[in-house]
PDB file of N, CA and C in Angstrom:
ATOM      1  N   MET A   1       0.562  -0.700  -0.567  1.00  0.00           N
ATOM      2  CA  MET A   1       0.012   0.149   0.011  1.00  0.00           C
ATOM      3  C   MET A   1       0.895   1.534  -0.130  1.00  0.00           C
ATOM      4  N   LYS A   2       1.171   1.744  -1.217  1.00  0.00           N
ATOM      5  CA  LYS A   2       2.019   2.759  -1.128  1.00  0.00           C
ATOM      6  C   LYS A   2       1.364   4.322  -1.009  1.00  0.00           C
ATOM      7  N   GLY A   3       1.833   4.859   0.474  1.00  0.00           N
ATOM      8  CA  GLY A   3       1.058   6.474   0.051  1.00  0.00           C
ATOM      9  C   GLY A   3       2.176   7.205   1.860  1.00  0.00           C
ATOM     10  N   THR A   4       1.347   8.540   1.639  1.00  0.00           N
ATOM     11  CA  THR A   4       1.812   9.131   2.605  1.00  0.00           C
ATOM     12  C   THR A   4       2.150   9.200   4.081  1.00  0.00           C
ATOM     13  N   THR A   5       1.968   9.631   5.238  1.00  0.00           N
ATOM     14  CA  THR A   5       1.752   9.728   6.552  1.00  0.00           C
ATOM     15  C   THR A   5       1.042  11.367   6.464  1.00  0.00           C
ATOM     16  N   HIS A   6       0.188  11.309   7.684  1.00  0.00           N
ATOM     17  CA  HIS A   6      -0.629  12.963   8.007  1.00  0.00           C
ATOM     18  C   HIS A   6      -0.778  12.663   9.174  1.00  0.00           C
ATOM     19  N   GLY A   7      -0.502  13.049   9.959  1.00  0.00           N
ATOM     20  CA  GLY A   7      -1.319  12.839  11.200  1.00  0.00           C
ATOM     21  C   GLY A   7      -1.638  12.051  11.772  1.00  0.00           C
ATOM     22  N   GLY A   8      -0.726  11.089  11.251  1.00  0.00           N
ATOM     23  CA  GLY A   8      -0.676   9.460  11.840  1.00  0.00           C
ATOM     24  C   GLY A   8      -1.058   8.655  11.486  1.00  0.00           C
ATOM     25  N   HIS A   9      -1.704   9.619  10.456  1.00  0.00           N
ATOM     26  CA  HIS A   9      -3.212   8.102   9.558  1.00  0.00           C
ATOM     27  C   HIS A   9      -1.851   8.038   7.369  1.00  0.00           C
ATOM     28  N   ARG A  10      -2.112   6.711   7.482  1.00  0.00           N
ATOM     29  CA  ARG A  10      -1.871   6.798   5.923  1.00  0.00           C
ATOM     30  C   ARG A  10      -2.648   7.061   5.129  1.00  0.00           C
ATOM     31  N   VAL A  11      -2.113   8.183   4.141  1.00  0.00           N
ATOM     32  CA  VAL A  11      -2.883   8.425   2.755  1.00  0.00           C
ATOM     33  C   VAL A  11      -3.055   7.708   1.516  1.00  0.00           C
ATOM     34  N   VAL A  12      -3.490   7.194   1.225  1.00  0.00           N
ATOM     35  CA  VAL A  12      -4.026   6.005   0.171  1.00  0.00           C
ATOM     36  C   VAL A  12      -4.692   7.447  -0.521  1.00  0.00           C
ATOM     37  N   GLY A  13      -3.690   7.489  -2.219  1.00  0.00           N
ATOM     38  CA  GLY A  13      -5.066   7.916  -2.795  1.00  0.00           C
ATOM     39  C   GLY A  13      -5.664   9.232  -1.957  1.00  0.00           C
ATOM     40  N   GLU A  14      -7.087   9.295  -2.124  1.00  0.00           N
ATOM     41  CA  GLU A  14      -7.679  10.622  -1.746  1.00  0.00           C
ATOM     42  C   GLU A  14      -8.438   9.701  -0.137  1.00  0.00           C
ATOM     43  N   HIS A  15      -8.066   8.539   0.279  1.00  0.00           N
ATOM     44  CA  HIS A  15      -8.257   8.370   2.106  1.00  0.00           C
ATOM     45  C   HIS A  15      -7.679   8.320   2.803  1.00  0.00           C
ATOM     46  N   TRP A  16      -8.110   8.707   4.141  1.00  0.00           N
ATOM     47  CA  TRP A  16      -7.118   8.609   5.276  1.00  0.00           C
ATOM     48  C   TRP A  16      -7.397   7.371   5.777  1.00  0.00           C
ATOM     49  N   LEU A  17      -5.910   6.197   6.334  1.00  0.00           N
ATOM     50  CA  LEU A  17      -6.548   5.740   7.369  1.00  0.00           C
ATOM     51  C   LEU A  17      -6.308   4.898   8.757  1.00  0.00           C
ATOM     52  N   SER A  18      -6.725   5.358   9.239  1.00  0.00           N
ATOM     53  CA  SER A  18      -5.980   5.124  11.077  1.00  0.00           C
ATOM     54  C   SER A  18      -5.325   4.468  11.390  1.00  0.00           C
ATOM     55  N   PRO A  19      -4.811   4.075  12.107  1.00  0.00           N
ATOM     56  CA  PRO A  19      -4.143   2.534  12.628  1.00  0.00           C
ATOM     57  C   PRO A  19      -5.325   1.606  12.663  1.00  0.00           C
ATOM     58  N   ARG A  20      -6.306   2.548  12.986  1.00  0.00           N
ATOM     59  CA  ARG A  20      -7.482   1.734  13.967  1.00  0.00           C
ATOM     60  C   ARG A  20      -8.194   1.192  13.013  1.00  0.00           C
ATOM     61  N   THR A  21      -7.963   2.100  11.966  1.00  0.00           N
ATOM     62  CA  THR A  21      -9.095   1.533  10.355  1.00  0.00           C
ATOM     63  C   THR A  21      -7.798   0.134   9.597  1.00  0.00           C
ATOM     64  N   ILE A  22      -7.006   0.353   9.795  1.00  0.00           N
ATOM     65  CA  ILE A  22      -6.110  -0.901   9.050  1.00  0.00           C
ATOM     66  C   ILE A  22      -6.323  -1.848   9.665  1.00  0.00           C
ATOM     67  N   ASN A  23      -6.201  -1.546  11.599  1.00  0.00           N
ATOM     68  CA  ASN A  23      -6.122  -2.880  12.436  1.00  0.00           C
ATOM     69  C   ASN A  23      -7.605  -4.260  11.572  1.00  0.00           C
ATOM     70  N   THR A  24      -8.895  -2.941  11.973  1.00  0.00           N
ATOM     71  CA  THR A  24     -10.055  -3.377  11.109  1.00  0.00           C
ATOM     72  C   THR A  24     -10.230  -4.436  10.149  1.00  0.00           C
ATOM     73  N   ILE A  25      -9.917  -3.368   9.184  1.00  0.00           N
ATOM     74  CA  ILE A  25      -9.266  -4.598   7.549  1.00  0.00           C
ATOM     75  C   ILE A  25      -8.421  -4.751   7.170  1.00  0.00           C
ATOM     76  N   VAL A  26      -7.604  -5.520   7.874  1.00  0.00           N
ATOM     77  CA  VAL A  26      -6.857  -6.703   7.915  1.00  0.00           C
ATOM     78  C   VAL A  26      -7.595  -7.629   8.853  1.00  0.00           C
ATOM     79  N   GLY A  27      -8.515  -7.440  10.381  1.00  0.00           N
ATOM     80  CA  GLY A  27      -8.847  -8.295  10.827  1.00  0.00           C
ATOM     81  C   GLY A  27      -9.739  -9.052  10.809  1.00  0.00           C
ATOM     82  N   GLU A  28     -10.531  -8.431   9.468  1.00  0.00           N
ATOM     83  CA  GLU A  28     -11.859  -8.947   8.747  1.00  0.00           C
ATOM     84  C   GLU A  28     -11.297  -9.409   7.787  1.00  0.00           C
ATOM     85  N   VAL A  29     -10.114  -9.142   7.060  1.00  0.00           N
ATOM     86  CA  VAL A  29      -8.966 -10.347   6.064  1.00  0.00           C
ATOM     87  C   VAL A  29      -9.207 -11.964   6.908  1.00  0.00           C
ATOM     88  N   GLY A  30      -8.435 -11.647   8.480  1.00  0.00           N
ATOM     89  CA  GLY A  30      -8.147 -12.749   8.867  1.00  0.00           C
ATOM     90  C   GLY A  30      -9.455 -13.367   9.131  1.00  0.00           C
ATOM     91  N   ARG A  31     -10.602 -12.894   9.747  1.00  0.00           N
ATOM     92  CA  ARG A  31     -12.196 -13.716  10.376  1.00  0.00           C
ATOM     93  C   ARG A  31     -12.480 -14.410   9.005  1.00  0.00           C
ATOM     94  N   ILE A  32     -12.810 -13.711   7.649  1.00  0.00           N
ATOM     95  CA  ILE A  32     -13.404 -13.305   6.574  1.00  0.00           C
ATOM     96  C   ILE A  32     -12.082 -15.059   5.993  1.00  0.00           C
ATOM     97  N   HIS A  33     -11.459 -15.711   6.362  1.00  0.00           N
ATOM     98  CA  HIS A  33     -10.335 -15.960   6.020  1.00  0.00           C
ATOM     99  C   HIS A  33     -10.313 -17.050   6.863  1.00  0.00           C
ATOM    100  N   ASP A  34     -10.612 -17.632   8.358  1.00  0.00           N
ATOM    101  CA  ASP A  34     -10.856 -18.421   8.784  1.00  0.00           C
ATOM    102  C   ASP A  34     -12.925 -19.300   8.229  1.00  0.00           C
ATOM    103  N   LEU A  35     -13.423 -18.522   7.476  1.00  0.00           N
ATOM    104  CA  LEU A  35     -14.582 -18.516   7.607  1.00  0.00           C
ATOM    105  C   LEU A  35     -14.686 -19.336   6.215  1.00  0.00           C
ATOM    106  N   GLU A  36     -13.753 -19.545   5.389  1.00  0.00           N
ATOM    107  CA  GLU A  36     -13.595 -20.115   3.929  1.00  0.00           C
ATOM    108  C   GLU A  36     -12.852 -21.131   4.036  1.00  0.00           C
ATOM    109  N   VAL A  37     -12.120 -21.419   5.060  1.00  0.00           N
ATOM    110  CA  VAL A  37     -11.425 -23.174   4.864  1.00  0.00           C
ATOM    111  C   VAL A  37     -11.021 -23.337   5.692  1.00  0.00           C
ATOM    112  N   ASP A  38     -11.286 -24.913   5.637  1.00  0.00           N
ATOM    113  CA  ASP A  38     -11.097 -26.490   5.929  1.00  0.00           C
ATOM    114  C   ASP A  38     -10.605 -26.527   7.263  1.00  0.00           C
ATOM    115  N   GLY A  39     -10.489 -26.785   8.429  1.00  0.00           N
ATOM    116  CA  GLY A  39     -10.378 -27.727   9.954  1.00  0.00           C
ATOM    117  C   GLY A  39      -9.178 -26.175  10.632  1.00  0.00           C
ATOM    118  N   PRO A  40      -9.287 -26.725  11.252  1.00  0.00           N
ATOM    119  CA  PRO A  40      -8.880 -25.442  13.323  1.00  0.00           C
ATOM    120  C   PRO A  40      -7.280 -25.094  12.798  1.00  0.00           C
ATOM    121  N   GLU A  41      -6.743 -26.334  11.934  1.00  0.00           N
ATOM    122  CA  GLU A  41      -5.538 -26.299  11.898  1.00  0.00           C
ATOM    123  C   GLU A  41      -5.120 -25.330  10.805  1.00  0.00           C
ATOM    124  N   ARG A  42      -5.829 -24.568   9.682  1.00  0.00           N
ATOM    125  CA  ARG A  42      -5.413 -24.047   8.945  1.00  0.00           C
ATOM    126  C   ARG A  42      -6.195 -23.194   8.989  1.00  0.00           C
ATOM    127  N   GLN A  43      -7.098 -21.902   9.693  1.00  0.00           N
ATOM    128  CA  GLN A  43      -7.639 -20.570  10.143  1.00  0.00           C
ATOM    129  C   GLN A  43      -6.465 -20.181  10.833  1.00  0.00           C
ATOM    130  N   LEU A  44      -5.785 -18.624  10.482  1.00  0.00           N
ATOM    131  CA  LEU A  44      -5.705 -17.943  11.095  1.00  0.00           C
ATOM    132  C   LEU A  44      -5.418 -17.406  12.803  1.00  0.00           C
ATOM    133  N   GLY A  45      -6.582 -16.778  12.502  1.00  0.00           N
ATOM    134  CA  GLY A  45      -7.480 -16.876  13.988  1.00  0.00           C
ATOM    135  C   GLY A  45      -7.522 -14.597  13.703  1.00  0.00           C
ATOM    136  N   THR A  46      -6.544 -14.150  15.138  1.00  0.00           N
ATOM    137  CA  THR A  46      -7.234 -12.923  15.743  1.00  0.00           C
ATOM    138  C   THR A  46      -5.368 -12.631  14.620  1.00  0.00           C
ATOM    139  N   LEU A  47      -6.585 -11.734  13.278  1.00  0.00           N
ATOM    140  CA  LEU A  47      -4.772 -11.058  12.081  1.00  0.00           C
ATOM    141  C   LEU A  47      -5.008  -9.637  13.007  1.00  0.00           C
ATOM    142  N   ARG A  48      -3.181  -9.289  13.413  1.00  0.00           N
ATOM    143  CA  ARG A  48      -3.342  -7.888  13.417  1.00  0.00           C
ATOM    144  C   ARG A  48      -1.748  -7.211  13.307  1.00  0.00           C
ATOM    145  N   PRO A  49      -2.112  -6.032  12.580  1.00  0.00           N
ATOM    146  CA  PRO A  49      -0.454  -5.680  11.514  1.00  0.00           C
ATOM    147  C   PRO A  49       0.738  -6.030  11.977  1.00  0.00           C
ATOM    148  N   HIS A  50       0.734  -5.749  13.957  1.00  0.00           N
ATOM    149  CA  HIS A  50       1.896  -5.506  14.703  1.00  0.00           C
ATOM    150  C   HIS A  50       2.509  -7.075  14.760  1.00  0.00           C
ATOM    151  N   ASP A  51       2.254  -7.800  13.988  1.00  0.00           N
ATOM    152  CA  ASP A  51       1.658  -9.422  14.962  1.00  0.00           C
ATOM    153  C   ASP A  51       3.136  -9.619  14.235  1.00  0.00           C
ATOM    154  N   ALA A  52       3.146  -9.435  12.811  1.00  0.00           N
ATOM    155  CA  ALA A  52       4.053  -9.041  11.489  1.00  0.00           C
ATOM    156  C   ALA A  52       5.246  -8.412  11.391  1.00  0.00           C
ATOM    157  N   ARG A  53       5.067  -7.964  11.921  1.00  0.00           N
ATOM    158  CA  ARG A  53       6.437  -7.475  12.978  1.00  0.00           C
ATOM    159  C   ARG A  53       7.413  -7.276  13.774  1.00  0.00           C
ATOM    160  N   HIS A  54       6.633  -8.643  14.568  1.00  0.00           N
ATOM    161  CA  HIS A  54       7.258  -9.097  15.422  1.00  0.00           C
ATOM    162  C   HIS A  54       7.626 -10.031  14.913  1.00  0.00           C
ATOM    163  N   THR A  55       7.313 -11.251  14.049  1.00  0.00           N
ATOM    164  CA  THR A  55       7.680 -12.754  13.059  1.00  0.00           C
ATOM    165  C   THR A  55       8.503 -12.076  12.086  1.00  0.00           C
ATOM    166  N   PHE A  56       8.439 -10.748  11.730  1.00  0.00           N
ATOM    167  CA  PHE A  56       9.709 -10.658  10.909  1.00  0.00           C
ATOM    168  C   PHE A  56      10.781  -9.827  11.842  1.00  0.00           C
ATOM    169  N   ALA A  57      10.580 -10.120  13.030  1.00  0.00           N
ATOM    170  CA  ALA A  57      11.511  -9.213  13.406  1.00  0.00           C
ATOM    171  C   ALA A  57      12.402 -10.863  14.278  1.00  0.00           C
ATOM    172  N   TYR A  58      12.195 -11.431  14.768  1.00  0.00           N
ATOM    173  CA  TYR A  58      12.674 -12.731  15.269  1.00  0.00           C
ATOM    174  C   TYR A  58      13.177 -13.695  14.093  1.00  0.00           C
ATOM    175  N   ARG A  59      12.624 -14.070  13.035  1.00  0.00           N
ATOM    176  CA  ARG A  59      12.643 -14.525  11.108  1.00  0.00           C
ATOM    177  C   ARG A  59      14.263 -14.115  11.096  1.00  0.00           C
ATOM    178  N   LEU A  60      13.996 -12.164  11.335  1.00  0.00           N
ATOM    179  CA  LEU A  60      14.851 -11.490  10.852  1.00  0.00           C
ATOM    180  C   LEU A  60      15.853 -11.892  11.639  1.00  0.00           C
ATOM    181  N   SER A  61      16.265 -11.788  13.256  1.00  0.00           N
ATOM    182  CA  SER A  61      17.180 -12.057  13.884  1.00  0.00           C
ATOM    183  C   SER A  61      17.890 -13.728  13.937  1.00  0.00           C
ATOM    184  N   ALA A  62      17.518 -14.362  13.409  1.00  0.00           N
ATOM    185  CA  ALA A  62      17.470 -15.519  13.184  1.00  0.00           C
ATOM    186  C   ALA A  62      18.611 -15.839  12.656  1.00  0.00           C
ATOM    187  N   ALA A  63      17.534 -15.053  10.671  1.00  0.00           N
ATOM    188  CA  ALA A  63      18.284 -15.108   9.969  1.00  0.00           C
ATOM    189  C   ALA A  63      20.067 -14.839   9.104  1.00  0.00           C
ATOM    190  N   SER A  64      19.804 -13.667  10.490  1.00  0.00           N
ATOM    191  CA  SER A  64      21.389 -12.908  10.156  1.00  0.00           C
ATOM    192  C   SER A  64      22.414 -13.277  11.835  1.00  0.00           C
ATOM    193  N   GLY A  65      22.094 -13.976  12.335  1.00  0.00           N
ATOM    194  CA  GLY A  65      23.092 -14.732  13.803  1.00  0.00           C
ATOM    195  C   GLY A  65      22.672 -13.656  14.952  1.00  0.00           C
ATOM    196  N   HIS A  66      21.646 -13.311  15.246  1.00  0.00           N
ATOM    197  CA  HIS A  66      21.399 -12.455  15.934  1.00  0.00           C
ATOM    198  C   HIS A  66      21.696 -10.822  15.731  1.00  0.00           C
ATOM    199  N   ASN A  67      22.509 -10.492  14.578  1.00  0.00           N
ATOM    200  CA  ASN A  67      23.329  -9.835  14.293  1.00  0.00           C
ATOM    201  C   ASN A  67      22.483  -8.104  15.065  1.00  0.00           C
ATOM    202  N   ARG A  68      22.525  -7.860  16.200  1.00  0.00           N
ATOM    203  CA  ARG A  68      22.384  -6.760  16.123  1.00  0.00           C
ATOM    204  C   ARG A  68      21.936  -5.229  15.900  1.00  0.00           C
ATOM    205  N   ALA A  69      23.185  -4.642  14.719  1.00  0.00           N
ATOM    206  CA  ALA A  69      22.814  -3.610  13.579  1.00  0.00           C
ATOM    207  C   ALA A  69      21.703  -3.991  12.986  1.00  0.00           C
ATOM    208  N   GLU A  70      22.013  -5.239  12.718  1.00  0.00           N
ATOM    209  CA  GLU A  70      21.060  -5.384  11.743  1.00  0.00           C
ATOM    210  C   GLU A  70      19.193  -5.426  12.239  1.00  0.00           C
ATOM    211  N   LEU A  71      18.915  -5.691  13.408  1.00  0.00           N
ATOM    212  CA  LEU A  71      18.116  -5.728  14.118  1.00  0.00           C
ATOM    213  C   LEU A  71      17.432  -3.693  13.841  1.00  0.00           C
ATOM    214  N   GLU A  72      18.510  -3.319  14.555  1.00  0.00           N
ATOM    215  CA  GLU A  72      18.222  -2.034  14.847  1.00  0.00           C
ATOM    216  C   GLU A  72      18.437  -0.821  13.890  1.00  0.00           C
ATOM    217  N   ARG A  73      18.880  -1.780  13.014  1.00  0.00           N
ATOM    218  CA  ARG A  73      18.526  -0.397  10.704  1.00  0.00           C
ATOM    219  C   ARG A  73      16.857  -1.301  10.850  1.00  0.00           C
ATOM    220  N   ARG A  74      16.332  -2.614  10.498  1.00  0.00           N
ATOM    221  CA  ARG A  74      15.946  -2.455   9.804  1.00  0.00           C
ATOM    222  C   ARG A  74      14.585  -2.147  11.538  1.00  0.00           C
ATOM    223  N   LEU A  75      14.627  -2.167  12.555  1.00  0.00           N
ATOM    224  CA  LEU A  75      13.832  -2.318  13.361  1.00  0.00           C
ATOM    225  C   LEU A  75      13.975  -0.527  14.312  1.00  0.00           C
ATOM    226  N   GLY A  76      14.158   0.037  14.027  1.00  0.00           N
ATOM    227  CA  GLY A  76      13.963   1.443  14.498  1.00  0.00           C
ATOM    228  C   GLY A  76      13.884   1.550  15.601  1.00  0.00           C
ATOM    229  N   HIS A  77      15.008   0.681  16.420  1.00  0.00           N
ATOM    230  CA  HIS A  77      15.212   0.498  17.619  1.00  0.00           C
ATOM    231  C   HIS A  77      16.497   0.365  18.459  1.00  0.00           C
ATOM    232  N   ALA A  78      16.910   0.619  18.540  1.00  0.00           N
ATOM    233  CA  ALA A  78      17.962   0.421  19.466  1.00  0.00           C
ATOM    234  C   ALA A  78      19.143  -0.003  20.804  1.00  0.00           C
ATOM    235  N   ASN A  79      17.267  -0.349  21.297  1.00  0.00           N
ATOM    236  CA  ASN A  79      17.040   0.006  23.193  1.00  0.00           C
ATOM    237  C   ASN A  79      17.232  -1.788  22.858  1.00  0.00           C
ATOM    238  N   ASP A  80      17.706  -1.745  24.161  1.00  0.00           N
ATOM    239  CA  ASP A  80      17.054  -3.440  24.509  1.00  0.00           C
ATOM    240  C   ASP A  80      16.330  -4.579  24.328  1.00  0.00           C
ATOM    241  N   ARG A  81      15.689  -3.942  25.332  1.00  0.00           N
ATOM    242  CA  ARG A  81      14.313  -3.918  25.868  1.00  0.00           C
ATOM    243  C   ARG A  81      13.291  -3.636  24.671  1.00  0.00           C
ATOM    244  N   TYR A  82      13.109  -2.951  24.039  1.00  0.00           N
ATOM    245  CA  TYR A  82      12.217  -3.520  22.786  1.00  0.00           C
ATOM    246  C   TYR A  82      13.522  -4.153  21.581  1.00  0.00           C
ATOM    247  N   LEU A  83      13.901  -4.192  21.165  1.00  0.00           N
ATOM    248  CA  LEU A  83      15.314  -6.020  20.491  1.00  0.00           C
ATOM    249  C   LEU A  83      13.977  -7.780  21.302  1.00  0.00           C
ATOM    250  N   ARG A  84      15.031  -8.023  22.489  1.00  0.00           N
ATOM    251  CA  ARG A  84      13.850  -8.205  23.552  1.00  0.00           C
ATOM    252  C   ARG A  84      13.360  -8.891  23.096  1.00  0.00           C
ATOM    253  N   LEU A  85      12.498  -7.675  22.923  1.00  0.00           N
ATOM    254  CA  LEU A  85      10.803  -8.085  22.956  1.00  0.00           C
ATOM    255  C   LEU A  85      10.110  -8.061  21.677  1.00  0.00           C
ATOM    256  N   TYR A  86      11.154  -7.820  21.019  1.00  0.00           N
ATOM    257  CA  TYR A  86      10.190  -8.168  18.698  1.00  0.00           C
ATOM    258  C   TYR A  86      11.861  -9.721  18.917  1.00  0.00           C
ATOM    259  N   THR A  87      12.226 -10.031  19.619  1.00  0.00           N
ATOM    260  CA  THR A  87      13.047 -10.981  18.982  1.00  0.00           C
ATOM    261  C   THR A  87      12.536 -12.511  19.348  1.00  0.00           C
ATOM    262  N   ASN A  88      11.855 -12.835  20.744  1.00  0.00           N
ATOM    263  CA  ASN A  88      11.415 -12.820  21.076  1.00  0.00           C
ATOM    264  C   ASN A  88      10.490 -14.504  19.893  1.00  0.00           C
ATOM    265  N   PRO A  89      10.573 -15.515  20.063  1.00  0.00           N
ATOM    266  CA  PRO A  89      10.243 -17.047  19.217  1.00  0.00           C
ATOM    267  C   PRO A  89       8.852 -16.823  20.008  1.00  0.00           C
ATOM    268  N   PRO A  90       8.280 -16.511  18.509  1.00  0.00           N
ATOM    269  CA  PRO A  90       6.176 -16.728  18.927  1.00  0.00           C
ATOM    270  C   PRO A  90       6.100 -17.914  19.853  1.00  0.00           C
ATOM    271  N   GLU A  91       4.770 -17.741  21.070  1.00  0.00           N
ATOM    272  CA  GLU A  91       4.760 -18.831  21.857  1.00  0.00           C
ATOM    273  C   GLU A  91       4.838 -19.437  20.915  1.00  0.00           C
ATOM    274  N   ASP A  92       4.282 -19.913  20.296  1.00  0.00           N
ATOM    275  CA  ASP A  92       3.817 -21.720  19.491  1.00  0.00           C
ATOM    276  C   ASP A  92       4.745 -22.469  19.633  1.00  0.00           C
ATOM    277  N   ILE A  93       6.417 -21.460  18.945  1.00  0.00           N
ATOM    278  CA  ILE A  93       7.917 -22.071  18.540  1.00  0.00           C
ATOM    279  C   ILE A  93       8.278 -21.714  20.479  1.00  0.00           C
ATOM    280  N   ALA A  94       8.133 -21.432  20.574  1.00  0.00           N
ATOM    281  CA  ALA A  94       8.574 -21.524  22.563  1.00  0.00           C
ATOM    282  C   ALA A  94       7.847 -23.206  23.037  1.00  0.00           C
ATOM    283  N   ALA A  95       7.122 -23.024  22.501  1.00  0.00           N
ATOM    284  CA  ALA A  95       6.471 -24.159  23.404  1.00  0.00           C
ATOM    285  C   ALA A  95       6.387 -25.714  22.422  1.00  0.00           C
ATOM    286  N   GLY A  96       6.463 -25.316  21.446  1.00  0.00           N
ATOM    287  CA  GLY A  96       7.874 -26.582  21.234  1.00  0.00           C
ATOM    288  C   GLY A  96       8.671 -26.986  21.720  1.00  0.00           C
ATOM    289  N   TRP A  97      10.099 -25.961  21.836  1.00  0.00           N
ATOM    290  CA  TRP A  97      10.382 -26.544  22.476  1.00  0.00           C
ATOM    291  C   TRP A  97      10.587 -27.009  24.220  1.00  0.00           C
ATOM    292  N   ALA A  98       9.299 -26.209  24.970  1.00  0.00           N
ATOM    293  CA  ALA A  98       9.613 -26.722  25.716  1.00  0.00           C
ATOM    294  C   ALA A  98       8.584 -28.536  25.272  1.00  0.00           C
ATOM    295  N   GLU A  99       8.695 -28.571  24.544  1.00  0.00           N
ATOM    296  CA  GLU A  99       7.736 -29.953  24.575  1.00  0.00           C
ATOM    297  C   GLU A  99       9.085 -30.573  24.137  1.00  0.00           C
ATOM    298  N   ASP A 100       9.831 -30.680  23.528  1.00  0.00           N
ATOM    299  CA  ASP A 100      10.840 -31.326  23.090  1.00  0.00           C
ATOM    300  C   ASP A 100      12.101 -31.817  23.814  1.00  0.00           C
ATOM    301  N   LEU A 101      12.618 -30.723  25.135  1.00  0.00           N
ATOM    302  CA  LEU A 101      12.276 -31.248  26.334  1.00  0.00           C
ATOM    303  C   LEU A 101      12.236 -32.781  27.028  1.00  0.00           C
TER     304      LEU A 101
END
């Protein structure tokens, strides 16, 4: 979605999309997807754009060998607290590690 920002809103064409509107749209996409697929294992559950940021950060951390400079550059955070927050494994992956013990 190409556009500019104005007052915290994404401007697309002549329309302004607030973060809340974007969250609502993405959430609705996930809900519609789940209605159309067979089996709970193929369902997405609640979709939130910010979850994609966490997934990206986690995967980038693993792929880059936990390269701090790359993480800081891509995520825009140099604070250890935020880097840890964004690079923690998703719950399903962490649960799998515990099960493997």
